């Protein structure tokens, strides 16, 4: 089994400079074959650019959703790029990250 690729902090910020890049990362990981409705499972989904917090709409059940729906991050007010940075810090630290440092 090969070791997963580890990137530097600088490379991390180059790959994920903003919220849009983090959102696309989570969407590609969650829906590799395109968005699916978390409510009914339909793949008949349209993208609504005007609905920023919920940019997708299911054509079957007519509910709006985002990549956050159904995830641990669903009720969080933190931006996705901050969550991604926290995940990066936890997975690359050798001895863990103190909660006080994570809070910063």
PDB file of N, CA and C in Angstrom:
ATOM      1  N   UNK A   1       0.847  -1.183   0.000  1.00  0.00           N
ATOM      2  CA  UNK A   1       0.000   0.000   0.000  1.00  0.00           C
ATOM      3  C   UNK A   1       0.888   1.240   0.000  1.00  0.00           C
ATOM      4  N   UNK A   2       0.645   2.135  -0.919  1.00  0.00           N
ATOM      5  CA  UNK A   2       1.476   3.327  -1.019  1.00  0.00           C
ATOM      6  C   UNK A   2       0.988   4.429  -0.091  1.00  0.00           C
ATOM      7  N   UNK A   3       1.925   5.285   0.293  1.00  0.00           N
ATOM      8  CA  UNK A   3       1.585   6.414   1.164  1.00  0.00           C
ATOM      9  C   UNK A   3       0.838   7.471   0.364  1.00  0.00           C
ATOM     10  N   UNK A   4      -0.167   8.099   0.982  1.00  0.00           N
ATOM     11  CA  UNK A   4      -0.853   9.183   0.273  1.00  0.00           C
ATOM     12  C   UNK A   4       0.070  10.381   0.080  1.00  0.00           C
ATOM     13  N   UNK A   5      -0.191  11.134  -0.965  1.00  0.00           N
ATOM     14  CA  UNK A   5       0.615  12.309  -1.278  1.00  0.00           C
ATOM     15  C   UNK A   5       0.408  13.385  -0.217  1.00  0.00           C
ATOM     16  N   UNK A   6       1.503  13.937   0.296  1.00  0.00           N
ATOM     17  CA  UNK A   6       1.433  15.039   1.245  1.00  0.00           C
ATOM     18  C   UNK A   6       1.934  16.291   0.541  1.00  0.00           C
ATOM     19  N   UNK A   7       1.156  17.352   0.657  1.00  0.00           N
ATOM     20  CA  UNK A   7       1.554  18.606   0.028  1.00  0.00           C
ATOM     21  C   UNK A   7       1.948  19.608   1.106  1.00  0.00           C
ATOM     22  N   UNK A   8       2.742  20.584   0.723  1.00  0.00           N
ATOM     23  CA  UNK A   8       3.168  21.608   1.677  1.00  0.00           C
ATOM     24  C   UNK A   8       2.026  22.591   1.924  1.00  0.00           C
ATOM     25  N   UNK A   9       2.173  23.385   2.978  1.00  0.00           N
ATOM     26  CA  UNK A   9       1.173  24.394   3.315  1.00  0.00           C
ATOM     27  C   UNK A   9       1.027  25.383   2.160  1.00  0.00           C
ATOM     28  N   UNK A  10       2.132  25.738   1.542  1.00  0.00           N
ATOM     29  CA  UNK A  10       2.123  26.658   0.401  1.00  0.00           C
ATOM     30  C   UNK A  10       1.332  26.060  -0.766  1.00  0.00           C
ATOM     31  N   UNK A  11       1.597  24.788  -1.079  1.00  0.00           N
ATOM     32  CA  UNK A  11       0.874  24.118  -2.162  1.00  0.00           C
ATOM     33  C   UNK A  11      -0.618  24.014  -1.850  1.00  0.00           C
ATOM     34  N   UNK A  12      -0.928  23.773  -0.570  1.00  0.00           N
ATOM     35  CA  UNK A  12      -2.327  23.703  -0.153  1.00  0.00           C
ATOM     36  C   UNK A  12      -3.048  25.008  -0.479  1.00  0.00           C
ATOM     37  N   UNK A  13      -2.437  26.144  -0.125  1.00  0.00           N
ATOM     38  CA  UNK A  13      -3.069  27.434  -0.381  1.00  0.00           C
ATOM     39  C   UNK A  13      -3.105  27.782  -1.868  1.00  0.00           C
ATOM     40  N   UNK A  14      -2.202  27.227  -2.643  1.00  0.00           N
ATOM     41  CA  UNK A  14      -2.271  27.432  -4.090  1.00  0.00           C
ATOM     42  C   UNK A  14      -3.432  26.645  -4.694  1.00  0.00           C
ATOM     43  N   UNK A  15      -3.659  25.434  -4.199  1.00  0.00           N
ATOM     44  CA  UNK A  15      -4.752  24.607  -4.713  1.00  0.00           C
ATOM     45  C   UNK A  15      -6.120  25.098  -4.257  1.00  0.00           C
ATOM     46  N   UNK A  16      -6.195  25.612  -3.034  1.00  0.00           N
ATOM     47  CA  UNK A  16      -7.469  26.033  -2.450  1.00  0.00           C
ATOM     48  C   UNK A  16      -7.386  27.475  -1.960  1.00  0.00           C
ATOM     49  N   UNK A  17      -7.298  28.440  -2.882  1.00  0.00           N
ATOM     50  CA  UNK A  17      -7.129  29.836  -2.473  1.00  0.00           C
ATOM     51  C   UNK A  17      -8.399  30.497  -1.951  1.00  0.00           C
ATOM     52  N   UNK A  18      -9.560  29.916  -2.283  1.00  0.00           N
ATOM     53  CA  UNK A  18     -10.810  30.577  -1.902  1.00  0.00           C
ATOM     54  C   UNK A  18     -11.932  29.562  -1.679  1.00  0.00           C
ATOM     55  N   UNK A  19     -13.101  30.076  -1.357  1.00  0.00           N
ATOM     56  CA  UNK A  19     -14.272  29.244  -1.071  1.00  0.00           C
ATOM     57  C   UNK A  19     -14.706  28.435  -2.295  1.00  0.00           C
ATOM     58  N   UNK A  20     -14.621  29.026  -3.458  1.00  0.00           N
ATOM     59  CA  UNK A  20     -15.027  28.345  -4.692  1.00  0.00           C
ATOM     60  C   UNK A  20     -14.186  27.092  -4.941  1.00  0.00           C
ATOM     61  N   UNK A  21     -12.889  27.180  -4.745  1.00  0.00           N
ATOM     62  CA  UNK A  21     -12.003  26.029  -4.943  1.00  0.00           C
ATOM     63  C   UNK A  21     -12.315  24.925  -3.939  1.00  0.00           C
ATOM     64  N   UNK A  22     -12.589  25.293  -2.696  1.00  0.00           N
ATOM     65  CA  UNK A  22     -12.938  24.303  -1.667  1.00  0.00           C
ATOM     66  C   UNK A  22     -14.273  23.643  -1.997  1.00  0.00           C
ATOM     67  N   UNK A  23     -15.251  24.439  -2.433  1.00  0.00           N
ATOM     68  CA  UNK A  23     -16.567  23.893  -2.793  1.00  0.00           C
ATOM     69  C   UNK A  23     -16.434  22.896  -3.938  1.00  0.00           C
ATOM     70  N   UNK A  24     -15.652  23.236  -4.962  1.00  0.00           N
ATOM     71  CA  UNK A  24     -15.445  22.331  -6.093  1.00  0.00           C
ATOM     72  C   UNK A  24     -14.750  21.045  -5.658  1.00  0.00           C
ATOM     73  N   UNK A  25     -13.796  21.146  -4.722  1.00  0.00           N
ATOM     74  CA  UNK A  25     -13.110  19.961  -4.211  1.00  0.00           C
ATOM     75  C   UNK A  25     -14.109  19.022  -3.537  1.00  0.00           C
ATOM     76  N   UNK A  26     -14.932  19.566  -2.620  1.00  0.00           N
ATOM     77  CA  UNK A  26     -15.917  18.740  -1.922  1.00  0.00           C
ATOM     78  C   UNK A  26     -16.943  18.152  -2.895  1.00  0.00           C
ATOM     79  N   UNK A  27     -17.371  18.929  -3.883  1.00  0.00           N
ATOM     80  CA  UNK A  27     -18.334  18.428  -4.866  1.00  0.00           C
ATOM     81  C   UNK A  27     -17.745  17.289  -5.687  1.00  0.00           C
ATOM     82  N   UNK A  28     -16.491  17.422  -6.109  1.00  0.00           N
ATOM     83  CA  UNK A  28     -15.857  16.361  -6.899  1.00  0.00           C
ATOM     84  C   UNK A  28     -15.646  15.094  -6.086  1.00  0.00           C
ATOM     85  N   UNK A  29     -15.378  15.237  -4.792  1.00  0.00           N
ATOM     86  CA  UNK A  29     -15.213  14.060  -3.936  1.00  0.00           C
ATOM     87  C   UNK A  29     -16.558  13.396  -3.642  1.00  0.00           C
ATOM     88  N   UNK A  30     -17.582  14.208  -3.401  1.00  0.00           N
ATOM     89  CA  UNK A  30     -18.894  13.663  -3.041  1.00  0.00           C
ATOM     90  C   UNK A  30     -19.642  13.132  -4.261  1.00  0.00           C
ATOM     91  N   UNK A  31     -19.570  13.849  -5.376  1.00  0.00           N
ATOM     92  CA  UNK A  31     -20.303  13.483  -6.586  1.00  0.00           C
ATOM     93  C   UNK A  31     -19.348  13.368  -7.771  1.00  0.00           C
ATOM     94  N   UNK A  32     -18.569  12.299  -7.881  1.00  0.00           N
ATOM     95  CA  UNK A  32     -17.620  12.189  -8.995  1.00  0.00           C
ATOM     96  C   UNK A  32     -18.299  12.118 -10.369  1.00  0.00           C
ATOM     97  N   UNK A  33     -19.563  11.679 -10.404  1.00  0.00           N
ATOM     98  CA  UNK A  33     -20.293  11.567 -11.673  1.00  0.00           C
ATOM     99  C   UNK A  33     -21.349  12.655 -11.844  1.00  0.00           C
ATOM    100  N   UNK A  34     -21.212  13.750 -11.120  1.00  0.00           N
ATOM    101  CA  UNK A  34     -22.184  14.838 -11.191  1.00  0.00           C
ATOM    102  C   UNK A  34     -23.066  14.862  -9.951  1.00  0.00           C
ATOM    103  N   UNK A  35     -23.675  15.998  -9.698  1.00  0.00           N
ATOM    104  CA  UNK A  35     -24.472  16.194  -8.486  1.00  0.00           C
ATOM    105  C   UNK A  35     -25.682  15.267  -8.443  1.00  0.00           C
ATOM    106  N   UNK A  36     -25.986  14.785  -7.228  1.00  0.00           N
ATOM    107  CA  UNK A  36     -27.166  13.964  -6.970  1.00  0.00           C
ATOM    108  C   UNK A  36     -27.914  14.566  -5.803  1.00  0.00           C
ATOM    109  N   UNK A  37     -29.230  14.488  -5.859  1.00  0.00           N
ATOM    110  CA  UNK A  37     -30.059  15.046  -4.797  1.00  0.00           C
ATOM    111  C   UNK A  37     -29.894  14.225  -3.520  1.00  0.00           C
ATOM    112  N   UNK A  38     -29.534  14.868  -2.393  1.00  0.00           N
ATOM    113  CA  UNK A  38     -29.393  14.130  -1.138  1.00  0.00           C
ATOM    114  C   UNK A  38     -30.750  13.772  -0.521  1.00  0.00           C
ATOM    115  N   UNK A  39     -31.823  14.367  -1.031  1.00  0.00           N
ATOM    116  CA  UNK A  39     -33.157  14.115  -0.493  1.00  0.00           C
ATOM    117  C   UNK A  39     -33.804  12.885  -1.127  1.00  0.00           C
ATOM    118  N   UNK A  40     -33.722  12.772  -2.462  1.00  0.00           N
ATOM    119  CA  UNK A  40     -34.389  11.655  -3.146  1.00  0.00           C
ATOM    120  C   UNK A  40     -33.433  10.778  -3.957  1.00  0.00           C
ATOM    121  N   UNK A  41     -32.176  11.200  -4.118  1.00  0.00           N
ATOM    122  CA  UNK A  41     -31.186  10.408  -4.842  1.00  0.00           C
ATOM    123  C   UNK A  41     -31.196  10.581  -6.356  1.00  0.00           C
ATOM    124  N   UNK A  42     -32.026  11.468  -6.854  1.00  0.00           N
ATOM    125  CA  UNK A  42     -32.121  11.689  -8.298  1.00  0.00           C
ATOM    126  C   UNK A  42     -30.870  12.387  -8.833  1.00  0.00           C
ATOM    127  N   UNK A  43     -30.514  12.047 -10.066  1.00  0.00           N
ATOM    128  CA  UNK A  43     -29.383  12.727 -10.705  1.00  0.00           C
ATOM    129  C   UNK A  43     -29.864  13.802 -11.676  1.00  0.00           C
ATOM    130  N   UNK A  44     -31.180  14.009 -11.726  1.00  0.00           N
ATOM    131  CA  UNK A  44     -31.751  15.074 -12.554  1.00  0.00           C
ATOM    132  C   UNK A  44     -31.716  16.368 -11.755  1.00  0.00           C
ATOM    133  N   UNK A  45     -30.596  17.056 -11.867  1.00  0.00           N
ATOM    134  CA  UNK A  45     -30.326  18.236 -11.050  1.00  0.00           C
ATOM    135  C   UNK A  45     -29.975  19.404 -11.951  1.00  0.00           C
ATOM    136  N   UNK A  46     -30.478  20.579 -11.604  1.00  0.00           N
ATOM    137  CA  UNK A  46     -30.091  21.783 -12.341  1.00  0.00           C
ATOM    138  C   UNK A  46     -29.334  22.714 -11.405  1.00  0.00           C
ATOM    139  N   UNK A  47     -28.418  23.462 -11.979  1.00  0.00           N
ATOM    140  CA  UNK A  47     -27.628  24.403 -11.183  1.00  0.00           C
ATOM    141  C   UNK A  47     -28.274  25.778 -11.271  1.00  0.00           C
ATOM    142  N   UNK A  48     -28.523  26.374 -10.110  1.00  0.00           N
ATOM    143  CA  UNK A  48     -29.149  27.700 -10.026  1.00  0.00           C
ATOM    144  C   UNK A  48     -28.108  28.680  -9.515  1.00  0.00           C
ATOM    145  N   UNK A  49     -27.541  29.462 -10.386  1.00  0.00           N
ATOM    146  CA  UNK A  49     -26.475  30.400 -10.008  1.00  0.00           C
ATOM    147  C   UNK A  49     -26.966  31.474  -9.039  1.00  0.00           C
ATOM    148  N   UNK A  50     -28.251  31.817  -9.082  1.00  0.00           N
ATOM    149  CA  UNK A  50     -28.789  32.884  -8.236  1.00  0.00           C
ATOM    150  C   UNK A  50     -29.004  32.458  -6.786  1.00  0.00           C
ATOM    151  N   UNK A  51     -29.070  31.165  -6.523  1.00  0.00           N
ATOM    152  CA  UNK A  51     -29.294  30.663  -5.169  1.00  0.00           C
ATOM    153  C   UNK A  51     -27.952  30.280  -4.550  1.00  0.00           C
ATOM    154  N   UNK A  52     -27.250  31.261  -4.018  1.00  0.00           N
ATOM    155  CA  UNK A  52     -25.881  31.067  -3.530  1.00  0.00           C
ATOM    156  C   UNK A  52     -25.776  30.017  -2.417  1.00  0.00           C
ATOM    157  N   UNK A  53     -26.566  30.075  -1.333  1.00  0.00           N
ATOM    158  CA  UNK A  53     -26.344  29.060  -0.308  1.00  0.00           C
ATOM    159  C   UNK A  53     -26.771  27.662  -0.748  1.00  0.00           C
ATOM    160  N   UNK A  54     -27.739  27.562  -1.649  1.00  0.00           N
ATOM    161  CA  UNK A  54     -28.221  26.271  -2.142  1.00  0.00           C
ATOM    162  C   UNK A  54     -28.233  26.305  -3.676  1.00  0.00           C
ATOM    163  N   UNK A  55     -27.070  26.104  -4.308  1.00  0.00           N
ATOM    164  CA  UNK A  55     -26.961  26.328  -5.754  1.00  0.00           C
ATOM    165  C   UNK A  55     -27.548  25.242  -6.657  1.00  0.00           C
ATOM    166  N   UNK A  56     -28.050  24.136  -6.086  1.00  0.00           N
ATOM    167  CA  UNK A  56     -28.608  23.068  -6.910  1.00  0.00           C
ATOM    168  C   UNK A  56     -30.086  22.876  -6.607  1.00  0.00           C
ATOM    169  N   UNK A  57     -30.837  22.455  -7.640  1.00  0.00           N
ATOM    170  CA  UNK A  57     -32.263  22.183  -7.471  1.00  0.00           C
ATOM    171  C   UNK A  57     -32.567  20.856  -8.146  1.00  0.00           C
ATOM    172  N   UNK A  58     -33.234  19.978  -7.405  1.00  0.00           N
ATOM    173  CA  UNK A  58     -33.615  18.673  -7.925  1.00  0.00           C
ATOM    174  C   UNK A  58     -34.870  18.821  -8.777  1.00  0.00           C
ATOM    175  N   UNK A  59     -34.859  18.238  -9.965  1.00  0.00           N
ATOM    176  CA  UNK A  59     -36.020  18.314 -10.851  1.00  0.00           C
ATOM    177  C   UNK A  59     -37.109  17.332 -10.429  1.00  0.00           C
ATOM    178  N   UNK A  60     -36.742  16.297  -9.666  1.00  0.00           N
ATOM    179  CA  UNK A  60     -37.725  15.308  -9.233  1.00  0.00           C
ATOM    180  C   UNK A  60     -38.506  15.765  -8.009  1.00  0.00           C
ATOM    181  N   UNK A  61     -37.804  16.128  -6.934  1.00  0.00           N
ATOM    182  CA  UNK A  61     -38.486  16.524  -5.694  1.00  0.00           C
ATOM    183  C   UNK A  61     -38.557  18.037  -5.510  1.00  0.00           C
ATOM    184  N   UNK A  62     -37.909  18.785  -6.392  1.00  0.00           N
ATOM    185  CA  UNK A  62     -37.928  20.255  -6.409  1.00  0.00           C
ATOM    186  C   UNK A  62     -37.309  20.913  -5.174  1.00  0.00           C
ATOM    187  N   UNK A  63     -36.445  20.224  -4.490  1.00  0.00           N
ATOM    188  CA  UNK A  63     -35.776  20.804  -3.322  1.00  0.00           C
ATOM    189  C   UNK A  63     -34.425  21.369  -3.731  1.00  0.00           C
ATOM    190  N   UNK A  64     -34.050  22.454  -3.068  1.00  0.00           N
ATOM    191  CA  UNK A  64     -32.739  23.063  -3.277  1.00  0.00           C
ATOM    192  C   UNK A  64     -31.747  22.424  -2.310  1.00  0.00           C
ATOM    193  N   UNK A  65     -30.486  22.317  -2.729  1.00  0.00           N
ATOM    194  CA  UNK A  65     -29.458  21.740  -1.866  1.00  0.00           C
ATOM    195  C   UNK A  65     -28.081  22.225  -2.285  1.00  0.00           C
ATOM    196  N   UNK A  66     -27.118  21.960  -1.419  1.00  0.00           N
ATOM    197  CA  UNK A  66     -25.714  22.275  -1.695  1.00  0.00           C
ATOM    198  C   UNK A  66     -24.878  21.057  -1.320  1.00  0.00           C
ATOM    199  N   UNK A  67     -23.585  21.163  -1.491  1.00  0.00           N
ATOM    200  CA  UNK A  67     -22.697  20.054  -1.156  1.00  0.00           C
ATOM    201  C   UNK A  67     -22.690  19.785   0.347  1.00  0.00           C
ATOM    202  N   UNK A  68     -23.053  20.749   1.155  1.00  0.00           N
ATOM    203  CA  UNK A  68     -23.063  20.595   2.608  1.00  0.00           C
ATOM    204  C   UNK A  68     -24.206  19.721   3.124  1.00  0.00           C
ATOM    205  N   UNK A  69     -25.328  19.677   2.411  1.00  0.00           N
ATOM    206  CA  UNK A  69     -26.517  18.957   2.876  1.00  0.00           C
ATOM    207  C   UNK A  69     -26.186  17.483   3.075  1.00  0.00           C
ATOM    208  N   UNK A  70     -26.503  16.981   4.264  1.00  0.00           N
ATOM    209  CA  UNK A  70     -26.242  15.585   4.583  1.00  0.00           C
ATOM    210  C   UNK A  70     -24.825  15.306   5.055  1.00  0.00           C
ATOM    211  N   UNK A  71     -24.016  16.343   5.224  1.00  0.00           N
ATOM    212  CA  UNK A  71     -22.645  16.178   5.711  1.00  0.00           C
ATOM    213  C   UNK A  71     -22.545  16.666   7.148  1.00  0.00           C
ATOM    214  N   UNK A  72     -21.458  16.357   7.795  1.00  0.00           N
ATOM    215  CA  UNK A  72     -21.190  16.853   9.143  1.00  0.00           C
ATOM    216  C   UNK A  72     -21.139  18.379   9.136  1.00  0.00           C
ATOM    217  N   UNK A  73     -20.746  18.953   8.031  1.00  0.00           N
ATOM    218  CA  UNK A  73     -20.591  20.400   7.907  1.00  0.00           C
ATOM    219  C   UNK A  73     -21.907  21.133   7.626  1.00  0.00           C
ATOM    220  N   UNK A  74     -23.016  20.431   7.576  1.00  0.00           N
ATOM    221  CA  UNK A  74     -24.293  21.016   7.142  1.00  0.00           C
ATOM    222  C   UNK A  74     -24.728  22.214   7.968  1.00  0.00           C
ATOM    223  N   UNK A  75     -24.614  22.138   9.266  1.00  0.00           N
ATOM    224  CA  UNK A  75     -25.092  23.216  10.134  1.00  0.00           C
ATOM    225  C   UNK A  75     -24.000  24.211  10.522  1.00  0.00           C
ATOM    226  N   UNK A  76     -22.813  24.025  10.004  1.00  0.00           N
ATOM    227  CA  UNK A  76     -21.694  24.895  10.353  1.00  0.00           C
ATOM    228  C   UNK A  76     -21.760  26.215   9.597  1.00  0.00           C
ATOM    229  N   UNK A  77     -21.376  27.265  10.278  1.00  0.00           N
ATOM    230  CA  UNK A  77     -21.307  28.578   9.633  1.00  0.00           C
ATOM    231  C   UNK A  77     -19.918  28.863   9.070  1.00  0.00           C
ATOM    232  N   UNK A  78     -18.960  28.015   9.398  1.00  0.00           N
ATOM    233  CA  UNK A  78     -17.601  28.208   8.880  1.00  0.00           C
ATOM    234  C   UNK A  78     -17.563  27.956   7.376  1.00  0.00           C
ATOM    235  N   UNK A  79     -16.811  28.752   6.654  1.00  0.00           N
ATOM    236  CA  UNK A  79     -16.670  28.520   5.212  1.00  0.00           C
ATOM    237  C   UNK A  79     -15.974  27.182   4.935  1.00  0.00           C
ATOM    238  N   UNK A  80     -16.254  26.604   3.783  1.00  0.00           N
ATOM    239  CA  UNK A  80     -15.679  25.309   3.425  1.00  0.00           C
ATOM    240  C   UNK A  80     -14.161  25.345   3.354  1.00  0.00           C
ATOM    241  N   UNK A  81     -13.578  26.474   2.921  1.00  0.00           N
ATOM    242  CA  UNK A  81     -12.116  26.513   2.822  1.00  0.00           C
ATOM    243  C   UNK A  81     -11.466  26.470   4.207  1.00  0.00           C
ATOM    244  N   UNK A  82     -12.153  26.954   5.242  1.00  0.00           N
ATOM    245  CA  UNK A  82     -11.610  26.836   6.602  1.00  0.00           C
ATOM    246  C   UNK A  82     -11.718  25.401   7.097  1.00  0.00           C
ATOM    247  N   UNK A  83     -12.803  24.719   6.759  1.00  0.00           N
ATOM    248  CA  UNK A  83     -12.927  23.306   7.114  1.00  0.00           C
ATOM    249  C   UNK A  83     -11.836  22.494   6.421  1.00  0.00           C
ATOM    250  N   UNK A  84     -11.601  22.797   5.170  1.00  0.00           N
ATOM    251  CA  UNK A  84     -10.580  22.075   4.421  1.00  0.00           C
ATOM    252  C   UNK A  84      -9.196  22.306   5.020  1.00  0.00           C
ATOM    253  N   UNK A  85      -8.929  23.539   5.461  1.00  0.00           N
ATOM    254  CA  UNK A  85      -7.655  23.838   6.106  1.00  0.00           C
ATOM    255  C   UNK A  85      -7.527  23.065   7.425  1.00  0.00           C
ATOM    256  N   UNK A  86      -8.601  22.974   8.205  1.00  0.00           N
ATOM    257  CA  UNK A  86      -8.572  22.225   9.464  1.00  0.00           C
ATOM    258  C   UNK A  86      -8.316  20.741   9.205  1.00  0.00           C
ATOM    259  N   UNK A  87      -8.949  20.193   8.182  1.00  0.00           N
ATOM    260  CA  UNK A  87      -8.727  18.787   7.822  1.00  0.00           C
ATOM    261  C   UNK A  87      -7.280  18.581   7.401  1.00  0.00           C
ATOM    262  N   UNK A  88      -6.742  19.507   6.617  1.00  0.00           N
ATOM    263  CA  UNK A  88      -5.345  19.424   6.194  1.00  0.00           C
ATOM    264  C   UNK A  88      -4.413  19.435   7.410  1.00  0.00           C
ATOM    265  N   UNK A  89      -4.661  20.359   8.337  1.00  0.00           N
ATOM    266  CA  UNK A  89      -3.796  20.474   9.514  1.00  0.00           C
ATOM    267  C   UNK A  89      -3.852  19.211  10.371  1.00  0.00           C
ATOM    268  N   UNK A  90      -5.037  18.641  10.543  1.00  0.00           N
ATOM    269  CA  UNK A  90      -5.174  17.433  11.367  1.00  0.00           C
ATOM    270  C   UNK A  90      -4.515  16.223  10.722  1.00  0.00           C
ATOM    271  N   UNK A  91      -4.579  16.128   9.410  1.00  0.00           N
ATOM    272  CA  UNK A  91      -4.032  14.949   8.745  1.00  0.00           C
ATOM    273  C   UNK A  91      -2.534  15.028   8.483  1.00  0.00           C
ATOM    274  N   UNK A  92      -1.961  16.223   8.508  1.00  0.00           N
ATOM    275  CA  UNK A  92      -0.528  16.338   8.234  1.00  0.00           C
ATOM    276  C   UNK A  92       0.320  16.536   9.485  1.00  0.00           C
ATOM    277  N   UNK A  93      -0.292  16.864  10.611  1.00  0.00           N
ATOM    278  CA  UNK A  93       0.471  17.070  11.849  1.00  0.00           C
ATOM    279  C   UNK A  93       0.935  15.725  12.402  1.00  0.00           C
ATOM    280  N   UNK A  94       2.156  15.661  12.840  1.00  0.00           N
ATOM    281  CA  UNK A  94       2.708  14.403  13.347  1.00  0.00           C
ATOM    282  C   UNK A  94       2.171  14.028  14.719  1.00  0.00           C
ATOM    283  N   UNK A  95       2.012  15.007  15.582  1.00  0.00           N
ATOM    284  CA  UNK A  95       1.567  14.715  16.943  1.00  0.00           C
ATOM    285  C   UNK A  95       0.192  15.297  17.243  1.00  0.00           C
ATOM    286  N   UNK A  96      -0.527  15.686  16.227  1.00  0.00           N
ATOM    287  CA  UNK A  96      -1.845  16.266  16.434  1.00  0.00           C
ATOM    288  C   UNK A  96      -1.780  17.779  16.542  1.00  0.00           C
ATOM    289  N   UNK A  97      -2.939  18.385  16.596  1.00  0.00           N
ATOM    290  CA  UNK A  97      -3.059  19.838  16.661  1.00  0.00           C
ATOM    291  C   UNK A  97      -3.805  20.199  17.939  1.00  0.00           C
ATOM    292  N   UNK A  98      -3.248  21.076  18.777  1.00  0.00           N
ATOM    293  CA  UNK A  98      -3.978  21.521  19.966  1.00  0.00           C
ATOM    294  C   UNK A  98      -5.244  22.280  19.566  1.00  0.00           C
ATOM    295  N   UNK A  99      -6.289  22.133  20.351  1.00  0.00           N
ATOM    296  CA  UNK A  99      -7.559  22.786  20.025  1.00  0.00           C
ATOM    297  C   UNK A  99      -7.425  24.305  20.002  1.00  0.00           C
ATOM    298  N   UNK A 100      -6.511  24.854  20.809  1.00  0.00           N
ATOM    299  CA  UNK A 100      -6.314  26.308  20.809  1.00  0.00           C
ATOM    300  C   UNK A 100      -5.737  26.785  19.480  1.00  0.00           C
ATOM    301  N   UNK A 101      -4.837  25.994  18.905  1.00  0.00           N
ATOM    302  CA  UNK A 101      -4.277  26.351  17.603  1.00  0.00           C
ATOM    303  C   UNK A 101      -5.332  26.195  16.511  1.00  0.00           C
ATOM    304  N   UNK A 102      -6.159  25.162  16.612  1.00  0.00           N
ATOM    305  CA  UNK A 102      -7.208  24.941  15.624  1.00  0.00           C
ATOM    306  C   UNK A 102      -8.233  26.074  15.661  1.00  0.00           C
ATOM    307  N   UNK A 103      -8.482  26.620  16.839  1.00  0.00           N
ATOM    308  CA  UNK A 103      -9.455  27.705  16.983  1.00  0.00           C
ATOM    309  C   UNK A 103      -8.993  28.972  16.275  1.00  0.00           C
ATOM    310  N   UNK A 104      -7.682  29.155  16.179  1.00  0.00           N
ATOM    311  CA  UNK A 104      -7.156  30.343  15.493  1.00  0.00           C
ATOM    312  C   UNK A 104      -7.434  30.234  14.035  1.00  0.00           C
TER     313      UNK A 104
END
